[in-house]
């Protein structure tokens, strides 16, 4: 289980608002309040495949001295064009740090247990 909203406020979104992955949105369309269903979304329809070209190996010596890399650490990297991308440290060696800019769920099929609480 990656995430759950059972012990917190329900996820609220607007159909067509682009706030959730399209396949999840399509599964909710046509549901009635208090209805439940389980859906499976293949990786291609969720966060896409894991793309190796989005993985970068950087020499530890190039890391700022005030950052201690550890697996799971998330960083924001500024691109040459000024855009910022989120990366996660996925591997460490004595000389290198591996950074992954893929979404953490890229390449994974997802299963959702949905209960539509209310339509507003």
PDB file of N, CA and C in Angstrom:
ATOM      1  N   UNK A   1       0.854  -1.168   0.000  1.00  0.00           N
ATOM      2  CA  UNK A   1       0.000   0.000   0.000  1.00  0.00           C
ATOM      3  C   UNK A   1       0.899   1.229   0.000  1.00  0.00           C
ATOM      4  N   UNK A   2       0.683   2.095  -0.938  1.00  0.00           N
ATOM      5  CA  UNK A   2       1.473   3.316  -1.060  1.00  0.00           C
ATOM      6  C   UNK A   2       0.808   4.468  -0.329  1.00  0.00           C
ATOM      7  N   UNK A   3      -0.507   4.534  -0.382  1.00  0.00           N
ATOM      8  CA  UNK A   3      -1.219   5.641   0.237  1.00  0.00           C
ATOM      9  C   UNK A   3      -2.651   5.217   0.528  1.00  0.00           C
ATOM     10  N   UNK A   4      -3.272   5.884   1.480  1.00  0.00           N
ATOM     11  CA  UNK A   4      -4.667   5.626   1.815  1.00  0.00           C
ATOM     12  C   UNK A   4      -5.270   6.892   2.387  1.00  0.00           C
ATOM     13  N   UNK A   5      -6.569   7.035   2.194  1.00  0.00           N
ATOM     14  CA  UNK A   5      -7.256   8.191   2.771  1.00  0.00           C
ATOM     15  C   UNK A   5      -8.337   7.749   3.753  1.00  0.00           C
ATOM     16  N   UNK A   6      -8.289   6.495   4.182  1.00  0.00           N
ATOM     17  CA  UNK A   6      -9.337   5.980   5.061  1.00  0.00           C
ATOM     18  C   UNK A   6      -9.336   6.632   6.436  1.00  0.00           C
ATOM     19  N   UNK A   7      -8.192   7.081   6.916  1.00  0.00           N
ATOM     20  CA  UNK A   7      -8.111   7.701   8.242  1.00  0.00           C
ATOM     21  C   UNK A   7      -8.002   9.216   8.166  1.00  0.00           C
ATOM     22  N   UNK A   8      -8.384   9.790   7.029  1.00  0.00           N
ATOM     23  CA  UNK A   8      -8.291  11.234   6.858  1.00  0.00           C
ATOM     24  C   UNK A   8      -9.438  11.715   5.978  1.00  0.00           C
ATOM     25  N   UNK A   9      -9.435  12.973   5.672  1.00  0.00           N
ATOM     26  CA  UNK A   9     -10.481  13.525   4.818  1.00  0.00           C
ATOM     27  C   UNK A   9     -10.418  12.852   3.447  1.00  0.00           C
ATOM     28  N   UNK A  10     -11.558  12.604   2.820  1.00  0.00           N
ATOM     29  CA  UNK A  10     -11.560  11.989   1.490  1.00  0.00           C
ATOM     30  C   UNK A  10     -10.859  12.884   0.467  1.00  0.00           C
ATOM     31  N   UNK A  11     -10.324  12.265  -0.546  1.00  0.00           N
ATOM     32  CA  UNK A  11      -9.743  12.990  -1.667  1.00  0.00           C
ATOM     33  C   UNK A  11     -10.876  13.708  -2.386  1.00  0.00           C
ATOM     34  N   UNK A  12     -10.731  15.002  -2.582  1.00  0.00           N
ATOM     35  CA  UNK A  12     -11.751  15.778  -3.282  1.00  0.00           C
ATOM     36  C   UNK A  12     -11.152  16.297  -4.576  1.00  0.00           C
ATOM     37  N   UNK A  13     -11.883  16.112  -5.677  1.00  0.00           N
ATOM     38  CA  UNK A  13     -11.393  16.574  -6.971  1.00  0.00           C
ATOM     39  C   UNK A  13     -12.568  16.904  -7.871  1.00  0.00           C
ATOM     40  N   UNK A  14     -12.286  17.623  -8.944  1.00  0.00           N
ATOM     41  CA  UNK A  14     -13.295  18.008  -9.921  1.00  0.00           C
ATOM     42  C   UNK A  14     -13.081  17.195 -11.189  1.00  0.00           C
ATOM     43  N   UNK A  15     -14.122  16.525 -11.672  1.00  0.00           N
ATOM     44  CA  UNK A  15     -14.032  15.779 -12.919  1.00  0.00           C
ATOM     45  C   UNK A  15     -13.620  16.749 -14.024  1.00  0.00           C
ATOM     46  N   UNK A  16     -12.600  16.365 -14.778  1.00  0.00           N
ATOM     47  CA  UNK A  16     -12.107  17.208 -15.867  1.00  0.00           C
ATOM     48  C   UNK A  16     -11.111  18.255 -15.417  1.00  0.00           C
ATOM     49  N   UNK A  17     -10.797  18.291 -14.122  1.00  0.00           N
ATOM     50  CA  UNK A  17      -9.892  19.312 -13.585  1.00  0.00           C
ATOM     51  C   UNK A  17      -8.419  18.985 -13.715  1.00  0.00           C
ATOM     52  N   UNK A  18      -8.092  17.774 -14.166  1.00  0.00           N
ATOM     53  CA  UNK A  18      -6.689  17.403 -14.330  1.00  0.00           C
ATOM     54  C   UNK A  18      -5.953  17.197 -13.013  1.00  0.00           C
ATOM     55  N   UNK A  19      -6.668  16.964 -11.931  1.00  0.00           N
ATOM     56  CA  UNK A  19      -6.051  16.825 -10.618  1.00  0.00           C
ATOM     57  C   UNK A  19      -5.618  15.397 -10.309  1.00  0.00           C
ATOM     58  N   UNK A  20      -6.175  14.429 -11.010  1.00  0.00           N
ATOM     59  CA  UNK A  20      -5.864  13.028 -10.782  1.00  0.00           C
ATOM     60  C   UNK A  20      -5.568  12.360 -12.114  1.00  0.00           C
ATOM     61  N   UNK A  21      -5.010  11.163 -12.068  1.00  0.00           N
ATOM     62  CA  UNK A  21      -4.705  10.480 -13.325  1.00  0.00           C
ATOM     63  C   UNK A  21      -6.012  10.167 -14.055  1.00  0.00           C
ATOM     64  N   UNK A  22      -6.016  10.320 -15.378  1.00  0.00           N
ATOM     65  CA  UNK A  22      -7.253  10.162 -16.154  1.00  0.00           C
ATOM     66  C   UNK A  22      -7.961   8.823 -15.956  1.00  0.00           C
ATOM     67  N   UNK A  23      -7.233   7.724 -15.825  1.00  0.00           N
ATOM     68  CA  UNK A  23      -7.878   6.419 -15.671  1.00  0.00           C
ATOM     69  C   UNK A  23      -8.645   6.334 -14.347  1.00  0.00           C
ATOM     70  N   UNK A  24      -8.143   6.972 -13.302  1.00  0.00           N
ATOM     71  CA  UNK A  24      -8.856   7.012 -12.018  1.00  0.00           C
ATOM     72  C   UNK A  24     -10.136   7.823 -12.181  1.00  0.00           C
ATOM     73  N   UNK A  25     -10.000   8.963 -12.836  1.00  0.00           N
ATOM     74  CA  UNK A  25     -11.167   9.816 -13.076  1.00  0.00           C
ATOM     75  C   UNK A  25     -12.235   9.069 -13.865  1.00  0.00           C
ATOM     76  N   UNK A  26     -11.836   8.342 -14.907  1.00  0.00           N
ATOM     77  CA  UNK A  26     -12.797   7.587 -15.717  1.00  0.00           C
ATOM     78  C   UNK A  26     -13.509   6.523 -14.891  1.00  0.00           C
ATOM     79  N   UNK A  27     -12.799   5.934 -13.929  1.00  0.00           N
ATOM     80  CA  UNK A  27     -13.406   4.899 -13.090  1.00  0.00           C
ATOM     81  C   UNK A  27     -14.478   5.480 -12.175  1.00  0.00           C
ATOM     82  N   UNK A  28     -14.332   6.730 -11.795  1.00  0.00           N
ATOM     83  CA  UNK A  28     -15.290   7.370 -10.887  1.00  0.00           C
ATOM     84  C   UNK A  28     -16.541   7.827 -11.636  1.00  0.00           C
ATOM     85  N   UNK A  29     -16.374   8.185 -12.904  1.00  0.00           N
ATOM     86  CA  UNK A  29     -17.522   8.657 -13.694  1.00  0.00           C
ATOM     87  C   UNK A  29     -18.584   7.564 -13.750  1.00  0.00           C
ATOM     88  N   UNK A  30     -19.785   7.918 -13.399  1.00  0.00           N
ATOM     89  CA  UNK A  30     -20.904   6.976 -13.405  1.00  0.00           C
ATOM     90  C   UNK A  30     -21.161   6.327 -12.059  1.00  0.00           C
ATOM     91  N   UNK A  31     -20.244   6.504 -11.106  1.00  0.00           N
ATOM     92  CA  UNK A  31     -20.485   5.952  -9.766  1.00  0.00           C
ATOM     93  C   UNK A  31     -21.506   6.811  -9.035  1.00  0.00           C
ATOM     94  N   UNK A  32     -22.201   6.198  -8.083  1.00  0.00           N
ATOM     95  CA  UNK A  32     -23.157   6.891  -7.231  1.00  0.00           C
ATOM     96  C   UNK A  32     -22.572   7.036  -5.832  1.00  0.00           C
ATOM     97  N   UNK A  33     -23.092   7.979  -5.071  1.00  0.00           N
ATOM     98  CA  UNK A  33     -22.652   8.164  -3.696  1.00  0.00           C
ATOM     99  C   UNK A  33     -22.792   6.853  -2.922  1.00  0.00           C
ATOM    100  N   UNK A  34     -21.795   6.559  -2.095  1.00  0.00           N
ATOM    101  CA  UNK A  34     -21.700   5.350  -1.274  1.00  0.00           C
ATOM    102  C   UNK A  34     -21.414   4.080  -2.066  1.00  0.00           C
ATOM    103  N   UNK A  35     -21.137   4.198  -3.345  1.00  0.00           N
ATOM    104  CA  UNK A  35     -20.766   3.043  -4.157  1.00  0.00           C
ATOM    105  C   UNK A  35     -19.271   2.792  -4.019  1.00  0.00           C
ATOM    106  N   UNK A  36     -18.861   1.525  -4.083  1.00  0.00           N
ATOM    107  CA  UNK A  36     -17.447   1.142  -3.995  1.00  0.00           C
ATOM    108  C   UNK A  36     -17.084   0.269  -5.181  1.00  0.00           C
ATOM    109  N   UNK A  37     -15.801   0.321  -5.549  1.00  0.00           N
ATOM    110  CA  UNK A  37     -15.280  -0.569  -6.587  1.00  0.00           C
ATOM    111  C   UNK A  37     -13.773  -0.638  -6.461  1.00  0.00           C
ATOM    112  N   UNK A  38     -13.199  -1.681  -7.019  1.00  0.00           N
ATOM    113  CA  UNK A  38     -11.750  -1.841  -7.097  1.00  0.00           C
ATOM    114  C   UNK A  38     -11.365  -1.767  -8.559  1.00  0.00           C
ATOM    115  N   UNK A  39     -10.345  -0.967  -8.850  1.00  0.00           N
ATOM    116  CA  UNK A  39      -9.877  -0.844 -10.231  1.00  0.00           C
ATOM    117  C   UNK A  39      -8.378  -1.111 -10.279  1.00  0.00           C
ATOM    118  N   UNK A  40      -7.938  -1.577 -11.421  1.00  0.00           N
ATOM    119  CA  UNK A  40      -6.504  -1.755 -11.667  1.00  0.00           C
ATOM    120  C   UNK A  40      -6.135  -0.904 -12.871  1.00  0.00           C
ATOM    121  N   UNK A  41      -5.075  -0.140 -12.713  1.00  0.00           N
ATOM    122  CA  UNK A  41      -4.620   0.751 -13.780  1.00  0.00           C
ATOM    123  C   UNK A  41      -3.211   0.333 -14.171  1.00  0.00           C
ATOM    124  N   UNK A  42      -3.000  -0.067 -15.436  1.00  0.00           N
ATOM    125  CA  UNK A  42      -1.647  -0.441 -15.865  1.00  0.00           C
ATOM    126  C   UNK A  42      -0.714   0.773 -15.830  1.00  0.00           C
ATOM    127  N   UNK A  43       0.565   0.508 -15.684  1.00  0.00           N
ATOM    128  CA  UNK A  43       1.571   1.574 -15.575  1.00  0.00           C
ATOM    129  C   UNK A  43       1.447   2.595 -16.701  1.00  0.00           C
ATOM    130  N   UNK A  44       1.168   2.132 -17.906  1.00  0.00           N
ATOM    131  CA  UNK A  44       1.091   3.023 -19.064  1.00  0.00           C
ATOM    132  C   UNK A  44      -0.023   4.055 -18.922  1.00  0.00           C
ATOM    133  N   UNK A  45      -1.072   3.714 -18.163  1.00  0.00           N
ATOM    134  CA  UNK A  45      -2.202   4.622 -17.960  1.00  0.00           C
ATOM    135  C   UNK A  45      -2.125   5.348 -16.619  1.00  0.00           C
ATOM    136  N   UNK A  46      -1.085   5.046 -15.845  1.00  0.00           N
ATOM    137  CA  UNK A  46      -0.917   5.690 -14.537  1.00  0.00           C
ATOM    138  C   UNK A  46       0.180   6.755 -14.656  1.00  0.00           C
ATOM    139  N   UNK A  47       1.389   6.421 -14.240  1.00  0.00           N
ATOM    140  CA  UNK A  47       2.488   7.388 -14.289  1.00  0.00           C
ATOM    141  C   UNK A  47       3.503   7.050 -15.374  1.00  0.00           C
ATOM    142  N   UNK A  48       3.126   6.141 -16.270  1.00  0.00           N
ATOM    143  CA  UNK A  48       3.972   5.800 -17.403  1.00  0.00           C
ATOM    144  C   UNK A  48       5.087   4.837 -17.028  1.00  0.00           C
ATOM    145  N   UNK A  49       5.867   4.458 -18.026  1.00  0.00           N
ATOM    146  CA  UNK A  49       6.976   3.531 -17.771  1.00  0.00           C
ATOM    147  C   UNK A  49       8.115   4.236 -17.042  1.00  0.00           C
ATOM    148  N   UNK A  50       8.945   3.443 -16.383  1.00  0.00           N
ATOM    149  CA  UNK A  50      10.158   3.989 -15.769  1.00  0.00           C
ATOM    150  C   UNK A  50      11.150   4.225 -16.909  1.00  0.00           C
ATOM    151  N   UNK A  51      11.585   5.465 -17.053  1.00  0.00           N
ATOM    152  CA  UNK A  51      12.467   5.825 -18.181  1.00  0.00           C
ATOM    153  C   UNK A  51      13.901   5.990 -17.690  1.00  0.00           C
ATOM    154  N   UNK A  52      14.789   5.134 -18.214  1.00  0.00           N
ATOM    155  CA  UNK A  52      16.197   5.153 -17.801  1.00  0.00           C
ATOM    156  C   UNK A  52      16.880   6.477 -18.123  1.00  0.00           C
ATOM    157  N   UNK A  53      16.424   7.180 -19.160  1.00  0.00           N
ATOM    158  CA  UNK A  53      17.038   8.460 -19.512  1.00  0.00           C
ATOM    159  C   UNK A  53      16.768   9.538 -18.456  1.00  0.00           C
ATOM    160  N   UNK A  54      15.903   9.234 -17.497  1.00  0.00           N
ATOM    161  CA  UNK A  54      15.622  10.176 -16.420  1.00  0.00           C
ATOM    162  C   UNK A  54      16.402   9.836 -15.141  1.00  0.00           C
ATOM    163  N   UNK A  55      17.356   8.918 -15.261  1.00  0.00           N
ATOM    164  CA  UNK A  55      18.227   8.531 -14.155  1.00  0.00           C
ATOM    165  C   UNK A  55      19.616   9.094 -14.453  1.00  0.00           C
ATOM    166  N   UNK A  56      20.194   9.741 -13.456  1.00  0.00           N
ATOM    167  CA  UNK A  56      21.475  10.421 -13.617  1.00  0.00           C
ATOM    168  C   UNK A  56      22.420   9.993 -12.501  1.00  0.00           C
ATOM    169  N   UNK A  57      23.653   9.661 -12.869  1.00  0.00           N
ATOM    170  CA  UNK A  57      24.675   9.338 -11.883  1.00  0.00           C
ATOM    171  C   UNK A  57      25.600  10.547 -11.778  1.00  0.00           C
ATOM    172  N   UNK A  58      25.757  11.053 -10.541  1.00  0.00           N
ATOM    173  CA  UNK A  58      26.547  12.254 -10.279  1.00  0.00           C
ATOM    174  C   UNK A  58      27.680  11.898  -9.320  1.00  0.00           C
ATOM    175  N   UNK A  59      28.846  12.440  -9.565  1.00  0.00           N
ATOM    176  CA  UNK A  59      29.965  12.219  -8.648  1.00  0.00           C
ATOM    177  C   UNK A  59      29.652  12.882  -7.307  1.00  0.00           C
ATOM    178  N   UNK A  60      29.956  12.197  -6.222  1.00  0.00           N
ATOM    179  CA  UNK A  60      29.727  12.758  -4.885  1.00  0.00           C
ATOM    180  C   UNK A  60      30.437  14.098  -4.729  1.00  0.00           C
ATOM    181  N   UNK A  61      31.578  14.233  -5.337  1.00  0.00           N
ATOM    182  CA  UNK A  61      32.362  15.468  -5.218  1.00  0.00           C
ATOM    183  C   UNK A  61      31.606  16.678  -5.762  1.00  0.00           C
ATOM    184  N   UNK A  62      30.637  16.462  -6.634  1.00  0.00           N
ATOM    185  CA  UNK A  62      29.859  17.562  -7.212  1.00  0.00           C
ATOM    186  C   UNK A  62      28.679  17.982  -6.324  1.00  0.00           C
ATOM    187  N   UNK A  63      28.414  17.216  -5.268  1.00  0.00           N
ATOM    188  CA  UNK A  63      27.324  17.552  -4.354  1.00  0.00           C
ATOM    189  C   UNK A  63      27.732  18.716  -3.464  1.00  0.00           C
ATOM    190  N   UNK A  64      26.807  19.624  -3.171  1.00  0.00           N
ATOM    191  CA  UNK A  64      27.120  20.704  -2.221  1.00  0.00           C
ATOM    192  C   UNK A  64      27.510  20.113  -0.864  1.00  0.00           C
ATOM    193  N   UNK A  65      28.442  20.754  -0.196  1.00  0.00           N
ATOM    194  CA  UNK A  65      28.933  20.246   1.085  1.00  0.00           C
ATOM    195  C   UNK A  65      27.862  20.179   2.158  1.00  0.00           C
ATOM    196  N   UNK A  66      26.828  21.029   2.056  1.00  0.00           N
ATOM    197  CA  UNK A  66      25.789  21.055   3.091  1.00  0.00           C
ATOM    198  C   UNK A  66      24.695  20.014   2.881  1.00  0.00           C
ATOM    199  N   UNK A  67      24.826  19.190   1.843  1.00  0.00           N
ATOM    200  CA  UNK A  67      23.836  18.134   1.585  1.00  0.00           C
ATOM    201  C   UNK A  67      24.512  16.780   1.730  1.00  0.00           C
ATOM    202  N   UNK A  68      23.984  15.959   2.628  1.00  0.00           N
ATOM    203  CA  UNK A  68      24.486  14.603   2.796  1.00  0.00           C
ATOM    204  C   UNK A  68      23.538  13.666   2.061  1.00  0.00           C
ATOM    205  N   UNK A  69      23.962  13.111   0.935  1.00  0.00           N
ATOM    206  CA  UNK A  69      23.046  12.242   0.178  1.00  0.00           C
ATOM    207  C   UNK A  69      22.755  10.950   0.924  1.00  0.00           C
ATOM    208  N   UNK A  70      21.491  10.559   0.900  1.00  0.00           N
ATOM    209  CA  UNK A  70      21.073   9.268   1.432  1.00  0.00           C
ATOM    210  C   UNK A  70      19.906   8.777   0.588  1.00  0.00           C
ATOM    211  N   UNK A  71      19.774   7.473   0.469  1.00  0.00           N
ATOM    212  CA  UNK A  71      18.708   6.885  -0.345  1.00  0.00           C
ATOM    213  C   UNK A  71      17.364   7.383   0.160  1.00  0.00           C
ATOM    214  N   UNK A  72      16.529   7.855  -0.763  1.00  0.00           N
ATOM    215  CA  UNK A  72      15.204   8.371  -0.436  1.00  0.00           C
ATOM    216  C   UNK A  72      15.160   9.887  -0.344  1.00  0.00           C
ATOM    217  N   UNK A  73      16.316  10.527  -0.221  1.00  0.00           N
ATOM    218  CA  UNK A  73      16.362  11.987  -0.155  1.00  0.00           C
ATOM    219  C   UNK A  73      15.816  12.579  -1.445  1.00  0.00           C
ATOM    220  N   UNK A  74      14.910  13.538  -1.325  1.00  0.00           N
ATOM    221  CA  UNK A  74      14.354  14.205  -2.502  1.00  0.00           C
ATOM    222  C   UNK A  74      14.964  15.597  -2.611  1.00  0.00           C
ATOM    223  N   UNK A  75      15.335  15.940  -3.827  1.00  0.00           N
ATOM    224  CA  UNK A  75      15.983  17.220  -4.102  1.00  0.00           C
ATOM    225  C   UNK A  75      15.324  17.888  -5.285  1.00  0.00           C
ATOM    226  N   UNK A  76      15.454  19.190  -5.375  1.00  0.00           N
ATOM    227  CA  UNK A  76      14.999  19.947  -6.537  1.00  0.00           C
ATOM    228  C   UNK A  76      16.245  20.369  -7.305  1.00  0.00           C
ATOM    229  N   UNK A  77      16.313  20.016  -8.576  1.00  0.00           N
ATOM    230  CA  UNK A  77      17.441  20.392  -9.422  1.00  0.00           C
ATOM    231  C   UNK A  77      16.998  21.426 -10.440  1.00  0.00           C
ATOM    232  N   UNK A  78      17.810  22.444 -10.600  1.00  0.00           N
ATOM    233  CA  UNK A  78      17.509  23.472 -11.596  1.00  0.00           C
ATOM    234  C   UNK A  78      18.147  23.065 -12.924  1.00  0.00           C
ATOM    235  N   UNK A  79      17.336  23.032 -13.963  1.00  0.00           N
ATOM    236  CA  UNK A  79      17.792  22.695 -15.306  1.00  0.00           C
ATOM    237  C   UNK A  79      18.493  23.902 -15.931  1.00  0.00           C
ATOM    238  N   UNK A  80      19.294  23.694 -16.975  1.00  0.00           N
ATOM    239  CA  UNK A  80      19.953  24.820 -17.649  1.00  0.00           C
ATOM    240  C   UNK A  80      18.968  25.878 -18.167  1.00  0.00           C
ATOM    241  N   UNK A  81      17.723  25.437 -18.486  1.00  0.00           N
ATOM    242  CA  UNK A  81      16.727  26.394 -18.992  1.00  0.00           C
ATOM    243  C   UNK A  81      15.981  27.100 -17.859  1.00  0.00           C
ATOM    244  N   UNK A  82      16.364  26.832 -16.596  1.00  0.00           N
ATOM    245  CA  UNK A  82      15.739  27.489 -15.456  1.00  0.00           C
ATOM    246  C   UNK A  82      14.627  26.700 -14.795  1.00  0.00           C
ATOM    247  N   UNK A  83      14.116  25.663 -15.470  1.00  0.00           N
ATOM    248  CA  UNK A  83      13.065  24.840 -14.871  1.00  0.00           C
ATOM    249  C   UNK A  83      13.639  24.010 -13.722  1.00  0.00           C
ATOM    250  N   UNK A  84      12.771  23.659 -12.787  1.00  0.00           N
ATOM    251  CA  UNK A  84      13.174  22.835 -11.653  1.00  0.00           C
ATOM    252  C   UNK A  84      12.506  21.473 -11.771  1.00  0.00           C
ATOM    253  N   UNK A  85      13.277  20.411 -11.512  1.00  0.00           N
ATOM    254  CA  UNK A  85      12.708  19.054 -11.500  1.00  0.00           C
ATOM    255  C   UNK A  85      13.006  18.407 -10.150  1.00  0.00           C
ATOM    256  N   UNK A  86      12.097  17.553  -9.716  1.00  0.00           N
ATOM    257  CA  UNK A  86      12.277  16.799  -8.482  1.00  0.00           C
ATOM    258  C   UNK A  86      13.017  15.512  -8.801  1.00  0.00           C
ATOM    259  N   UNK A  87      14.000  15.176  -8.002  1.00  0.00           N
ATOM    260  CA  UNK A  87      14.730  13.918  -8.145  1.00  0.00           C
ATOM    261  C   UNK A  87      14.808  13.244  -6.780  1.00  0.00           C
ATOM    262  N   UNK A  88      15.000  11.933  -6.817  1.00  0.00           N
ATOM    263  CA  UNK A  88      15.147  11.152  -5.591  1.00  0.00           C
ATOM    264  C   UNK A  88      16.460  10.402  -5.652  1.00  0.00           C
ATOM    265  N   UNK A  89      17.215  10.412  -4.554  1.00  0.00           N
ATOM    266  CA  UNK A  89      18.438   9.624  -4.472  1.00  0.00           C
ATOM    267  C   UNK A  89      18.018   8.167  -4.360  1.00  0.00           C
ATOM    268  N   UNK A  90      18.482   7.336  -5.319  1.00  0.00           N
ATOM    269  CA  UNK A  90      18.072   5.934  -5.328  1.00  0.00           C
ATOM    270  C   UNK A  90      19.206   4.966  -5.019  1.00  0.00           C
ATOM    271  N   UNK A  91      20.461   5.401  -5.230  1.00  0.00           N
ATOM    272  CA  UNK A  91      21.606   4.536  -4.948  1.00  0.00           C
ATOM    273  C   UNK A  91      22.793   5.397  -4.557  1.00  0.00           C
ATOM    274  N   UNK A  92      23.662   4.798  -3.743  1.00  0.00           N
ATOM    275  CA  UNK A  92      24.894   5.469  -3.341  1.00  0.00           C
ATOM    276  C   UNK A  92      26.059   4.507  -3.490  1.00  0.00           C
ATOM    277  N   UNK A  93      27.193   5.045  -3.889  1.00  0.00           N
ATOM    278  CA  UNK A  93      28.446   4.300  -3.835  1.00  0.00           C
ATOM    279  C   UNK A  93      29.469   5.233  -3.198  1.00  0.00           C
ATOM    280  N   UNK A  94      30.679   4.771  -3.038  1.00  0.00           N
ATOM    281  CA  UNK A  94      31.699   5.630  -2.437  1.00  0.00           C
ATOM    282  C   UNK A  94      31.966   6.864  -3.287  1.00  0.00           C
ATOM    283  N   UNK A  95      31.801   6.734  -4.601  1.00  0.00           N
ATOM    284  CA  UNK A  95      32.153   7.843  -5.487  1.00  0.00           C
ATOM    285  C   UNK A  95      30.970   8.516  -6.169  1.00  0.00           C
ATOM    286  N   UNK A  96      29.814   7.835  -6.228  1.00  0.00           N
ATOM    287  CA  UNK A  96      28.694   8.355  -7.013  1.00  0.00           C
ATOM    288  C   UNK A  96      27.379   8.375  -6.242  1.00  0.00           C
ATOM    289  N   UNK A  97      26.463   9.226  -6.735  1.00  0.00           N
ATOM    290  CA  UNK A  97      25.090   9.304  -6.237  1.00  0.00           C
ATOM    291  C   UNK A  97      24.175   9.146  -7.445  1.00  0.00           C
ATOM    292  N   UNK A  98      23.212   8.229  -7.373  1.00  0.00           N
ATOM    293  CA  UNK A  98      22.264   8.040  -8.463  1.00  0.00           C
ATOM    294  C   UNK A  98      20.991   8.795  -8.141  1.00  0.00           C
ATOM    295  N   UNK A  99      20.570   9.654  -9.090  1.00  0.00           N
ATOM    296  CA  UNK A  99      19.373  10.476  -8.952  1.00  0.00           C
ATOM    297  C   UNK A  99      18.341  10.022  -9.976  1.00  0.00           C
ATOM    298  N   UNK A 100      17.089   9.916  -9.562  1.00  0.00           N
ATOM    299  CA  UNK A 100      16.022   9.461 -10.445  1.00  0.00           C
ATOM    300  C   UNK A 100      14.934  10.531 -10.504  1.00  0.00           C
ATOM    301  N   UNK A 101      14.643  11.029 -11.708  1.00  0.00           N
ATOM    302  CA  UNK A 101      13.616  12.053 -11.898  1.00  0.00           C
ATOM    303  C   UNK A 101      12.260  11.454 -12.272  1.00  0.00           C
ATOM    304  N   UNK A 102      12.162  10.126 -12.346  1.00  0.00           N
ATOM    305  CA  UNK A 102      10.876   9.485 -12.601  1.00  0.00           C
ATOM    306  C   UNK A 102       9.961   9.671 -11.403  1.00  0.00           C
ATOM    307  N   UNK A 103       8.651   9.668 -11.643  1.00  0.00           N
ATOM    308  CA  UNK A 103       7.688   9.652 -10.541  1.00  0.00           C
ATOM    309  C   UNK A 103       7.937   8.360  -9.755  1.00  0.00           C
ATOM    310  N   UNK A 104       7.807   8.381  -8.438  1.00  0.00           N
ATOM    311  CA  UNK A 104       8.050   7.162  -7.653  1.00  0.00           C
ATOM    312  C   UNK A 104       7.202   5.966  -8.076  1.00  0.00           C
ATOM    313  N   UNK A 105       6.046   6.192  -8.692  1.00  0.00           N
ATOM    314  CA  UNK A 105       5.193   5.081  -9.126  1.00  0.00           C
ATOM    315  C   UNK A 105       5.317   4.784 -10.618  1.00  0.00           C
ATOM    316  N   UNK A 106       6.268   5.413 -11.301  1.00  0.00           N
ATOM    317  CA  UNK A 106       6.469   5.123 -12.722  1.00  0.00           C
ATOM    318  C   UNK A 106       6.846   3.652 -12.882  1.00  0.00           C
ATOM    319  N   UNK A 107       6.263   3.021 -13.889  1.00  0.00           N
ATOM    320  CA  UNK A 107       6.547   1.616 -14.164  1.00  0.00           C
ATOM    321  C   UNK A 107       5.742   0.644 -13.327  1.00  0.00           C
ATOM    322  N   UNK A 108       4.843   1.154 -12.502  1.00  0.00           N
ATOM    323  CA  UNK A 108       4.071   0.278 -11.624  1.00  0.00           C
ATOM    324  C   UNK A 108       2.583   0.312 -11.976  1.00  0.00           C
ATOM    325  N   UNK A 109       1.977  -0.868 -12.008  1.00  0.00           N
ATOM    326  CA  UNK A 109       0.524  -0.954 -12.139  1.00  0.00           C
ATOM    327  C   UNK A 109      -0.071  -0.593 -10.783  1.00  0.00           C
ATOM    328  N   UNK A 110      -1.206   0.079 -10.791  1.00  0.00           N
ATOM    329  CA  UNK A 110      -1.820   0.548  -9.549  1.00  0.00           C
ATOM    330  C   UNK A 110      -3.174  -0.103  -9.344  1.00  0.00           C
ATOM    331  N   UNK A 111      -3.489  -0.415  -8.104  1.00  0.00           N
ATOM    332  CA  UNK A 111      -4.799  -0.927  -7.726  1.00  0.00           C
ATOM    333  C   UNK A 111      -5.398   0.047  -6.725  1.00  0.00           C
ATOM    334  N   UNK A 112      -6.640   0.466  -6.979  1.00  0.00           N
ATOM    335  CA  UNK A 112      -7.343   1.391  -6.102  1.00  0.00           C
ATOM    336  C   UNK A 112      -8.636   0.755  -5.626  1.00  0.00           C
ATOM    337  N   UNK A 113      -8.892   0.841  -4.332  1.00  0.00           N
ATOM    338  CA  UNK A 113     -10.199   0.531  -3.765  1.00  0.00           C
ATOM    339  C   UNK A 113     -10.866   1.883  -3.568  1.00  0.00           C
ATOM    340  N   UNK A 114     -11.904   2.136  -4.361  1.00  0.00           N
ATOM    341  CA  UNK A 114     -12.559   3.452  -4.361  1.00  0.00           C
ATOM    342  C   UNK A 114     -13.918   3.342  -3.680  1.00  0.00           C
ATOM    343  N   UNK A 115     -14.190   4.303  -2.818  1.00  0.00           N
ATOM    344  CA  UNK A 115     -15.537   4.451  -2.271  1.00  0.00           C
ATOM    345  C   UNK A 115     -15.906   5.907  -2.484  1.00  0.00           C
ATOM    346  N   UNK A 116     -16.918   6.142  -3.311  1.00  0.00           N
ATOM    347  CA  UNK A 116     -17.379   7.494  -3.586  1.00  0.00           C
ATOM    348  C   UNK A 116     -18.254   7.927  -2.422  1.00  0.00           C
ATOM    349  N   UNK A 117     -17.786   8.901  -1.668  1.00  0.00           N
ATOM    350  CA  UNK A 117     -18.469   9.346  -0.460  1.00  0.00           C
ATOM    351  C   UNK A 117     -19.601  10.292  -0.796  1.00  0.00           C
ATOM    352  N   UNK A 118     -19.329  11.267  -1.683  1.00  0.00           N
ATOM    353  CA  UNK A 118     -20.314  12.307  -1.941  1.00  0.00           C
ATOM    354  C   UNK A 118     -20.029  12.948  -3.282  1.00  0.00           C
ATOM    355  N   UNK A 119     -21.076  13.375  -3.941  1.00  0.00           N
ATOM    356  CA  UNK A 119     -20.955  14.155  -5.182  1.00  0.00           C
ATOM    357  C   UNK A 119     -21.455  15.564  -4.849  1.00  0.00           C
ATOM    358  N   UNK A 120     -20.591  16.548  -5.036  1.00  0.00           N
ATOM    359  CA  UNK A 120     -20.977  17.921  -4.715  1.00  0.00           C
ATOM    360  C   UNK A 120     -20.985  18.777  -5.966  1.00  0.00           C
TER     361      UNK A 120
END
